[in-house]
Amino acid sequence: MKITRIQTFLMHAGAPLSATGTKEGAAASVATATGLPLGDTRHWLFVKVHTDAGIVGLGEGSGWPLVVEAAVRDLAPTLIGENAADIERLWQKMFLAMAGHGQTGVVGAGAITAIEMALWDIKGKALGTPVWNLLGGKVRDRIRVYAHASSPEQAKACVALGYRAIKTGGVIDPVGKIAAIRDAVGQDVDLMVDLHGPPGLQTKDALLIGRALEPYRLLFWEEPVPAENIDGLRRLRDAVAIPLASGERLATIFAFRDLLREPVVDVIQPDTGRCGGISQLRKIGAMAEAEHVGVAPHSGSLGPVAEMAAIHVLATLPNALIMEQFAVDWPGRFRVTPGAVRPENGHLIVPDTPGLGIELVEEEVASNPPTRNSGIRATAKSNSYEEGTYAEHALVQTRFRRARTLT
């Protein structure tokens, strides 16, 4: 099967909803400095790879979709005429084609991901078998998922929908939020806390928060310091009795090596749309397995195709822990991809359809044209930054008013 054409489909996707029908989380309702709501920056990029056998594969790339689309188009000529079945060789060819531009980050990896994902879809369709079967077969038939909640009311709504794992986030009073949610849902629901900013925490500030969170017996706490702060992660993993998670902004096995060779985390969170593709996710999972680290893919901005790819890979990983999901996503999600998997009692059922098992309605993509695809996730009103310092746009900031902000 020779590759004959590669198409891109970029669209604006509306902000996800909470389980109670409101925009998910405080960040989603906060306007950026330019007045553009954060939800309006959410985009999905889909890719179709055509072959001379008439089989078409579908993939998705994230990492900055508006820019990733340009990278996919730039890579496409290097793949025309190639055998679509040679997935690993074509991954290496794409990676090498980018090498002259410097270190490949999530934008380059997102482009490779979208194409490589579509190649797996082609191979599965050609052989009449699901992608998970090409990866060694299933370990499980369903994938546990968690939802998001910013309040006790939202958490109870998620439980009513069947979720038994819930994550809350933000750097403002995370201990108070988790205490209220624990009281609302009881002891039989797993809880998680996401502490990435803006702004990020310094290690000592994160340590104080982590120790205050210990009594709530969390499934994990996420990115209390930035992923590149390897020494900080190491110190926190040793000092706080909660499993530590990180990695959603990293791409390829080369970036995850720093988290896994000691390791300095207990859970890794590769994003299926930008980690480098299905093959890379499977390799990252194997690296984590060797270190007894769990895998809990990030899915905060993913569309339904990359989510489906994650389901196939997680079905094959012995150390798969859980997957992120919005309890109620933008309603257009199932119009764009009618085959997207819907949660059942807090799980996603692994499909048996050949390939990835999902198709794209191009007319729905066209009816949601792209807009701007970047934004700042906080304003002075969000109270995340110290008073009077918002315009500094600091990535990491020491907490003042420590008696109030570190509890």
Protein backbone atom coordinates (compact mmCIF):
# COMPACT_ATOMS: atom_id res chain seq x y z
CA MET A 1 0.00 0.00 0.00
CA LYS A 2 1.62 3.19 -1.17
CA ILE A 3 0.80 6.53 0.45
CA THR A 4 -0.79 8.80 -2.17
CA ARG A 5 -2.06 11.81 -0.24
CA ILE A 6 -2.15 13.34 3.26
CA GLN A 7 -4.99 15.68 4.22
CA THR A 8 -5.37 17.90 7.27
CA PHE A 9 -8.62 18.96 8.96
CA LEU A 10 -8.31 21.74 11.55
CA MET A 11 -11.33 22.85 13.53
CA HIS A 12 -12.37 24.87 16.54
CA ALA A 13 -13.81 22.72 19.32
CA GLY A 14 -15.91 24.35 21.99
CA ALA A 15 -15.02 24.28 25.65
CA PRO A 16 -15.98 21.12 27.54
CA LEU A 17 -18.78 21.26 30.08
CA SER A 18 -18.77 20.15 33.67
CA ALA A 19 -21.04 17.38 34.87
CA THR A 20 -23.49 20.07 36.00
CA GLY A 21 -23.63 21.66 32.55
CA THR A 22 -21.29 24.60 33.10
CA LYS A 23 -17.87 25.24 31.55
CA GLU A 24 -15.32 22.88 33.07
CA GLY A 25 -13.12 24.38 35.75
CA ALA A 26 -12.28 27.94 36.68
CA ALA A 27 -9.74 28.31 33.88
CA ALA A 28 -12.24 27.58 31.13
CA SER A 29 -14.39 30.57 32.06
CA VAL A 30 -11.55 33.04 32.52
CA ALA A 31 -10.86 35.41 29.63
CA THR A 32 -7.34 35.86 28.35
CA ALA A 33 -5.58 39.18 28.37
CA THR A 34 -6.92 39.78 24.86
CA GLY A 35 -10.49 39.08 25.85
CA LEU A 36 -10.67 35.73 24.04
CA PRO A 37 -12.18 33.05 26.31
CA LEU A 38 -9.86 30.14 26.90
CA GLY A 39 -12.48 27.72 25.63
CA ASP A 40 -12.35 29.47 22.26
CA THR A 41 -8.67 28.52 21.82
CA ARG A 42 -9.36 24.77 21.91
CA HIS A 43 -8.73 23.17 18.52
CA TRP A 44 -8.59 19.68 17.08
CA LEU A 45 -6.39 18.66 14.16
CA PHE A 46 -7.25 15.50 12.27
CA VAL A 47 -5.21 13.90 9.49
CA LYS A 48 -6.21 11.47 6.77
CA VAL A 49 -3.57 9.34 5.04
CA HIS A 50 -4.72 7.93 1.68
CA THR A 51 -3.28 4.83 -0.02
CA ASP A 52 -3.41 3.40 -3.52
CA ALA A 53 -5.32 0.44 -2.08
CA GLY A 54 -8.23 2.73 -1.29
CA ILE A 55 -7.73 2.39 2.47
CA VAL A 56 -7.71 5.69 4.37
CA GLY A 57 -6.28 6.05 7.85
CA LEU A 58 -7.36 8.64 10.42
CA GLY A 59 -5.08 10.28 12.99
CA GLU A 60 -4.99 13.29 15.31
CA GLY A 61 -2.18 15.58 16.44
CA SER A 62 -2.13 18.02 19.31
CA GLY A 63 0.65 20.07 20.90
CA TRP A 64 -0.45 23.34 19.21
CA PRO A 65 -2.82 22.24 16.45
CA LEU A 66 -2.67 25.44 14.41
CA VAL A 67 1.10 25.07 14.08
CA VAL A 68 1.10 21.27 13.94
CA GLU A 69 -1.03 21.44 10.80
CA ALA A 70 1.75 23.34 9.02
CA ALA A 71 4.27 20.73 10.16
CA VAL A 72 2.10 17.87 8.83
CA ARG A 73 1.86 19.56 5.45
CA ASP A 74 5.62 20.08 5.41
CA LEU A 75 6.26 16.40 6.21
CA ALA A 76 3.75 15.04 3.72
CA PRO A 77 6.01 15.10 0.60
CA THR A 78 8.60 12.92 2.37
CA LEU A 79 5.97 10.17 2.73
CA ILE A 80 4.25 10.15 -0.65
CA GLY A 81 5.01 6.88 -2.44
CA GLU A 82 6.15 5.12 0.73
CA ASN A 83 4.74 1.81 1.95
CA ALA A 84 2.12 2.66 4.58
CA ALA A 85 2.83 -0.61 6.40
CA ASP A 86 6.39 0.40 7.35
CA ILE A 87 5.31 2.34 10.43
CA GLU A 88 8.53 2.28 12.44
CA ARG A 89 10.71 3.14 9.45
CA LEU A 90 8.44 6.03 8.47
CA TRP A 91 8.47 7.31 12.07
CA GLN A 92 12.26 7.39 11.93
CA LYS A 93 12.16 9.12 8.55
CA MET A 94 9.83 11.85 9.84
CA PHE A 95 11.89 12.34 12.98
CA LEU A 96 15.07 12.64 10.94
CA ALA A 97 13.41 15.07 8.53
CA MET A 98 12.84 17.40 11.48
CA ALA A 99 16.30 16.99 13.00
CA GLY A 100 17.76 19.89 11.07
CA HIS A 101 15.33 22.24 12.80
CA GLY A 102 16.62 21.37 16.26
CA GLN A 103 15.22 19.39 19.16
CA THR A 104 11.78 17.99 18.32
CA GLY A 105 9.25 19.21 20.87
CA VAL A 106 5.51 18.69 21.09
CA VAL A 107 4.81 20.55 17.84
CA GLY A 108 7.06 18.26 15.80
CA ALA A 109 5.95 15.24 17.77
CA GLY A 110 2.32 16.21 17.30
CA ALA A 111 2.79 16.19 13.52
CA ILE A 112 4.50 12.80 13.60
CA THR A 113 1.79 11.53 15.95
CA ALA A 114 -1.06 12.47 13.63
CA ILE A 115 0.47 10.72 10.63
CA GLU A 116 1.75 7.68 12.52
CA MET A 117 -1.64 7.18 14.19
CA ALA A 118 -3.27 7.13 10.77
CA LEU A 119 -0.76 4.50 9.60
CA TRP A 120 -1.82 2.19 12.44
CA ASP A 121 -5.44 2.77 11.46
CA ILE A 122 -4.58 1.78 7.86
CA LYS A 123 -2.77 -1.38 8.96
CA GLY A 124 -5.63 -2.46 11.20
CA LYS A 125 -8.18 -1.90 8.45
CA ALA A 126 -6.03 -3.73 5.90
CA LEU A 127 -5.68 -6.76 8.19
CA GLY A 128 -9.24 -6.60 9.49
CA THR A 129 -8.24 -6.33 13.14
CA PRO A 130 -8.24 -3.66 15.89
CA VAL A 131 -5.03 -1.74 16.55
CA TRP A 132 -4.75 -3.25 20.03
CA ASN A 133 -4.41 -6.66 18.44
CA LEU A 134 -1.41 -5.43 16.43
CA LEU A 135 0.23 -4.26 19.67
CA GLY A 136 0.25 -7.66 21.34
CA GLY A 137 -3.36 -8.16 22.33
CA LYS A 138 -5.52 -7.01 25.21
CA VAL A 139 -4.69 -7.08 28.90
CA ARG A 140 -8.14 -5.66 29.71
CA ASP A 141 -11.49 -5.05 28.02
CA ARG A 142 -12.22 -1.64 29.53
CA ILE A 143 -10.24 1.42 30.58
CA ARG A 144 -10.97 3.24 33.82
CA VAL A 145 -11.42 7.00 33.39
CA TYR A 146 -11.61 9.98 35.70
CA ALA A 147 -13.59 13.19 35.43
CA HIS A 148 -12.95 16.77 36.56
CA ALA A 149 -14.71 18.71 39.28
CA SER A 150 -14.11 22.16 40.74
CA SER A 151 -16.71 21.94 43.51
CA PRO A 152 -18.47 19.36 45.68
CA GLU A 153 -21.60 19.78 43.54
CA GLN A 154 -19.71 18.96 40.36
CA ALA A 155 -18.04 16.00 42.05
CA LYS A 156 -21.38 14.55 43.13
CA ALA A 157 -22.71 15.03 39.59
CA CYS A 158 -19.73 13.06 38.25
CA VAL A 159 -20.42 10.23 40.70
CA ALA A 160 -24.05 10.21 39.57
CA LEU A 161 -22.77 9.71 36.01
CA GLY A 162 -20.85 6.61 37.10
CA TYR A 163 -17.35 8.00 37.66
CA ARG A 164 -15.42 6.62 40.61
CA ALA A 165 -12.34 8.80 40.15
CA ILE A 166 -12.28 12.60 40.12
CA LYS A 167 -9.56 15.22 39.74
CA THR A 168 -9.63 18.81 40.88
CA GLY A 169 -7.03 21.43 40.13
CA GLY A 170 -5.61 24.86 40.69
CA VAL A 171 -3.02 26.37 42.98
CA ILE A 172 -5.49 28.34 45.08
CA ASP A 173 -6.60 26.45 48.21
CA PRO A 174 -6.22 22.93 46.77
CA VAL A 175 -6.39 21.40 50.25
CA GLY A 176 -9.69 23.09 51.00
CA LYS A 177 -11.10 21.99 47.65
CA ILE A 178 -10.08 18.38 48.07
CA ALA A 179 -11.40 18.29 51.65
CA ALA A 180 -14.81 19.54 50.52
CA ILE A 181 -14.94 17.10 47.61
CA ARG A 182 -13.88 14.17 49.83
CA ASP A 183 -16.70 15.04 52.24
CA ALA A 184 -19.15 15.15 49.33
CA VAL A 185 -18.24 11.85 47.64
CA GLY A 186 -17.02 9.71 50.53
CA GLN A 187 -14.13 7.27 50.75
CA ASP A 188 -14.99 4.98 47.83
CA VAL A 189 -14.11 7.51 45.10
CA ASP A 190 -10.48 8.03 44.09
CA LEU A 191 -9.40 11.67 44.12
CA MET A 192 -6.50 13.47 42.43
CA VAL A 193 -5.12 17.01 42.56
CA ASP A 194 -3.50 18.87 39.66
CA LEU A 195 -1.19 21.62 40.93
CA HIS A 196 0.29 23.01 37.73
CA GLY A 197 -0.19 26.75 37.42
CA PRO A 198 0.01 29.33 36.29
CA PRO A 199 2.15 30.10 38.08
CA GLY A 200 4.07 26.93 38.96
CA LEU A 201 5.12 26.14 42.50
CA GLN A 202 8.62 26.17 43.91
CA THR A 203 9.63 22.88 45.51
CA LYS A 204 9.34 23.98 49.17
CA ASP A 205 5.89 25.50 48.56
CA ALA A 206 4.78 22.30 46.84
CA LEU A 207 6.14 20.25 49.74
CA LEU A 208 3.98 22.09 52.26
CA ILE A 209 0.88 21.58 50.13
CA GLY A 210 1.70 17.93 49.49
CA ARG A 211 2.06 17.11 53.16
CA ALA A 212 -1.25 18.84 53.85
CA LEU A 213 -2.87 16.66 51.17
CA GLU A 214 -1.57 13.37 52.58
CA PRO A 215 -4.58 12.64 54.87
CA TYR A 216 -6.90 12.50 51.83
CA ARG A 217 -5.19 9.40 50.38
CA LEU A 218 -5.06 10.63 46.80
CA LEU A 219 -4.63 8.37 43.78
CA PHE A 220 -1.94 10.84 42.71
CA TRP A 221 -0.99 14.51 42.75
CA GLU A 222 0.01 16.04 39.46
CA GLU A 223 2.85 18.38 38.49
CA PRO A 224 3.35 20.17 41.83
CA VAL A 225 6.48 21.56 40.14
CA PRO A 226 7.16 21.81 36.39
CA ALA A 227 8.24 18.58 34.66
CA GLU A 228 11.64 20.03 33.81
CA ASN A 229 12.38 20.47 37.54
CA ILE A 230 13.73 16.94 37.88
CA ASP A 231 15.46 17.60 41.18
CA GLY A 232 12.26 19.09 42.62
CA LEU A 233 10.23 16.07 41.53
CA ARG A 234 12.82 13.77 43.08
CA ARG A 235 12.65 15.61 46.41
CA LEU A 236 8.85 15.64 46.44
CA ARG A 237 8.54 11.96 45.60
CA ASP A 238 10.74 11.07 48.55
CA ALA A 239 9.11 13.50 51.00
CA VAL A 240 5.36 13.24 50.33
CA ALA A 241 3.35 10.04 50.79
CA ILE A 242 1.23 10.50 47.65
CA PRO A 243 2.00 8.99 44.23
CA LEU A 244 3.51 11.71 42.04
CA ALA A 245 2.47 12.26 38.39
CA SER A 246 3.93 14.32 35.56
CA GLY A 247 4.70 14.36 31.84
CA GLU A 248 1.72 15.70 29.90
CA ARG A 249 3.83 18.32 28.09
CA LEU A 250 6.65 15.97 27.08
CA ALA A 251 7.17 14.24 23.75
CA THR A 252 8.99 11.04 22.69
CA ILE A 253 10.90 8.45 24.69
CA PHE A 254 13.87 10.81 24.87
CA ALA A 255 12.04 13.38 26.99
CA PHE A 256 10.38 10.75 29.21
CA ARG A 257 13.75 9.15 29.92
CA ASP A 258 14.55 11.85 32.49
CA LEU A 259 11.38 11.05 34.45
CA LEU A 260 11.80 7.30 34.25
CA ARG A 261 15.45 6.38 34.54
CA GLU A 262 15.53 6.89 38.36
CA PRO A 263 12.45 7.20 38.34
CA VAL A 264 11.34 10.51 39.87
CA VAL A 265 7.59 9.94 39.43
CA ASP A 266 5.11 7.18 40.23
CA VAL A 267 2.75 7.92 37.33
CA ILE A 268 3.53 9.26 33.86
CA GLN A 269 1.00 11.18 31.79
CA PRO A 270 1.90 11.13 28.09
CA ASP A 271 -0.56 12.95 25.83
CA THR A 272 -1.64 10.60 23.05
CA GLY A 273 -1.87 13.45 20.55
CA ARG A 274 1.62 14.82 21.03
CA CYS A 275 3.87 12.20 22.64
CA GLY A 276 5.10 10.93 19.28
CA GLY A 277 2.45 8.42 18.23
CA ILE A 278 1.07 5.03 19.12
CA SER A 279 4.48 3.37 18.86
CA GLN A 280 6.05 5.96 21.15
CA LEU A 281 3.24 5.65 23.69
CA ARG A 282 3.70 1.90 23.72
CA LYS A 283 7.47 2.31 24.20
CA ILE A 284 6.98 4.91 26.95
CA GLY A 285 4.62 2.49 28.66
CA ALA A 286 7.24 -0.26 28.48
CA MET A 287 9.91 2.05 29.91
CA ALA A 288 7.54 2.85 32.77
CA GLU A 289 6.71 -0.81 33.30
CA ALA A 290 10.39 -1.59 33.80
CA GLU A 291 10.46 0.97 36.64
CA HIS A 292 7.08 -0.07 38.13
CA VAL A 293 5.53 3.27 37.14
CA GLY A 294 1.87 3.60 36.16
CA VAL A 295 0.56 5.19 32.96
CA ALA A 296 -2.32 7.68 33.08
CA PRO A 297 -2.51 9.55 29.75
CA HIS A 298 -3.33 13.23 29.64
CA SER A 299 -6.46 14.06 27.66
CA GLY A 300 -7.29 17.63 28.62
CA SER A 301 -7.38 19.02 25.09
CA LEU A 302 -7.61 15.86 22.98
CA GLY A 303 -10.23 15.16 20.40
CA PRO A 304 -11.95 11.79 19.99
CA VAL A 305 -9.47 10.21 17.56
CA ALA A 306 -6.45 10.52 19.83
CA GLU A 307 -8.61 9.39 22.74
CA MET A 308 -9.48 6.27 20.77
CA ALA A 309 -5.80 5.66 20.10
CA ALA A 310 -5.13 5.89 23.83
CA ILE A 311 -7.81 3.29 24.51
CA HIS A 312 -6.13 0.84 22.11
CA VAL A 313 -2.72 1.30 23.71
CA LEU A 314 -3.96 1.22 27.31
CA ALA A 315 -5.76 -2.03 26.56
CA THR A 316 -2.32 -3.59 25.98
CA LEU A 317 -0.30 -2.05 28.85
CA PRO A 318 -0.02 -4.09 32.07
CA ASN A 319 0.81 -0.88 33.97
CA ALA A 320 -2.05 1.25 32.62
CA LEU A 321 -3.63 3.05 35.57
CA ILE A 322 -6.39 5.37 34.40
CA MET A 323 -7.23 7.87 31.67
CA GLU A 324 -8.33 11.48 31.83
CA GLN A 325 -11.67 12.51 30.34
CA PHE A 326 -14.25 15.27 30.52
CA ALA A 327 -17.46 13.98 32.02
CA VAL A 328 -19.43 16.06 29.51
CA ASP A 329 -17.46 17.33 26.52
CA TRP A 330 -18.52 19.88 23.93
CA PRO A 331 -21.74 18.50 22.39
CA GLY A 332 -20.28 18.63 18.87
CA ARG A 333 -17.77 15.90 19.73
CA PHE A 334 -20.10 13.08 18.69
CA ARG A 335 -21.23 14.87 15.55
CA VAL A 336 -17.64 15.16 14.36
CA THR A 337 -16.85 11.51 15.12
CA PRO A 338 -20.04 9.50 15.67
CA GLY A 339 -18.00 6.41 16.55
CA ALA A 340 -16.35 8.04 19.58
CA VAL A 341 -16.58 5.86 22.68
CA ARG A 342 -18.96 7.02 25.40
CA PRO A 343 -18.17 6.26 29.05
CA GLU A 344 -20.03 3.46 30.79
CA ASN A 345 -19.93 3.42 34.60
CA GLY A 346 -16.63 5.24 34.70
CA HIS A 347 -14.97 3.12 31.99
CA LEU A 348 -14.35 3.21 28.25
CA ILE A 349 -15.00 -0.10 26.51
CA VAL A 350 -12.20 -1.26 24.21
CA PRO A 351 -13.57 -1.46 20.64
CA ASP A 352 -13.38 -4.52 18.38
CA THR A 353 -13.67 -2.62 15.08
CA PRO A 354 -10.73 -2.95 12.63
CA GLY A 355 -8.18 -0.16 12.86
CA LEU A 356 -8.91 2.51 15.42
CA GLY A 357 -12.63 2.07 14.93
CA ILE A 358 -13.55 5.70 14.38
CA GLU A 359 -14.37 7.85 11.36
CA LEU A 360 -14.55 11.59 10.66
CA VAL A 361 -17.51 13.63 9.39
CA GLU A 362 -15.74 16.24 7.28
CA GLU A 363 -18.83 18.44 6.98
CA GLU A 364 -18.92 18.87 10.76
CA VAL A 365 -15.25 19.87 10.77
CA ALA A 366 -15.92 22.45 8.04
CA SER A 367 -18.82 23.92 10.01
CA ASN A 368 -16.46 24.73 12.90
CA PRO A 369 -13.62 26.70 11.28
CA PRO A 370 -10.42 27.35 13.24
CA THR A 371 -9.87 30.57 15.17
CA ARG A 372 -6.97 31.56 17.39
CA ASN A 373 -5.17 28.65 19.04
CA SER A 374 -3.19 30.20 21.91
CA GLY A 375 -4.14 31.92 25.13
CA ILE A 376 -3.09 32.63 28.71
CA ARG A 377 -4.82 30.56 31.33
CA ALA A 378 -5.18 33.18 34.03
CA THR A 379 -5.86 36.82 34.73
CA ALA A 380 -5.54 38.97 37.82
CA LYS A 381 -9.15 37.99 38.61
CA SER A 382 -8.20 34.33 38.95
CA ASN A 383 -6.14 35.12 42.08
CA SER A 384 -3.39 32.71 40.98
CA TYR A 385 -0.65 35.33 40.95
CA GLU A 386 0.40 37.60 43.77
CA GLU A 387 -1.41 40.91 43.77
CA GLY A 388 0.08 43.38 41.30
CA THR A 389 2.32 40.82 39.56
CA TYR A 390 0.06 39.37 36.86
CA ALA A 391 1.68 41.38 34.07
CA GLU A 392 5.00 39.69 34.87
CA HIS A 393 3.61 36.38 33.50
CA ALA A 394 5.97 34.37 35.68
CA LEU A 395 6.19 30.65 34.98
CA VAL A 396 7.07 29.89 38.61
CA GLN A 397 6.38 32.21 41.53
CA THR A 398 7.11 32.01 45.26
CA ARG A 399 3.99 32.22 47.41
CA PHE A 400 3.55 35.14 49.74
CA ARG A 401 0.67 35.25 52.26
CA ARG A 402 1.85 31.74 53.00
CA ALA A 403 -0.48 31.11 55.93
CA ARG A 404 -3.41 31.43 53.52
CA THR A 405 -2.09 30.27 50.16
CA LEU A 406 -0.25 27.11 51.27
CA THR A 407 -3.11 25.42 53.11
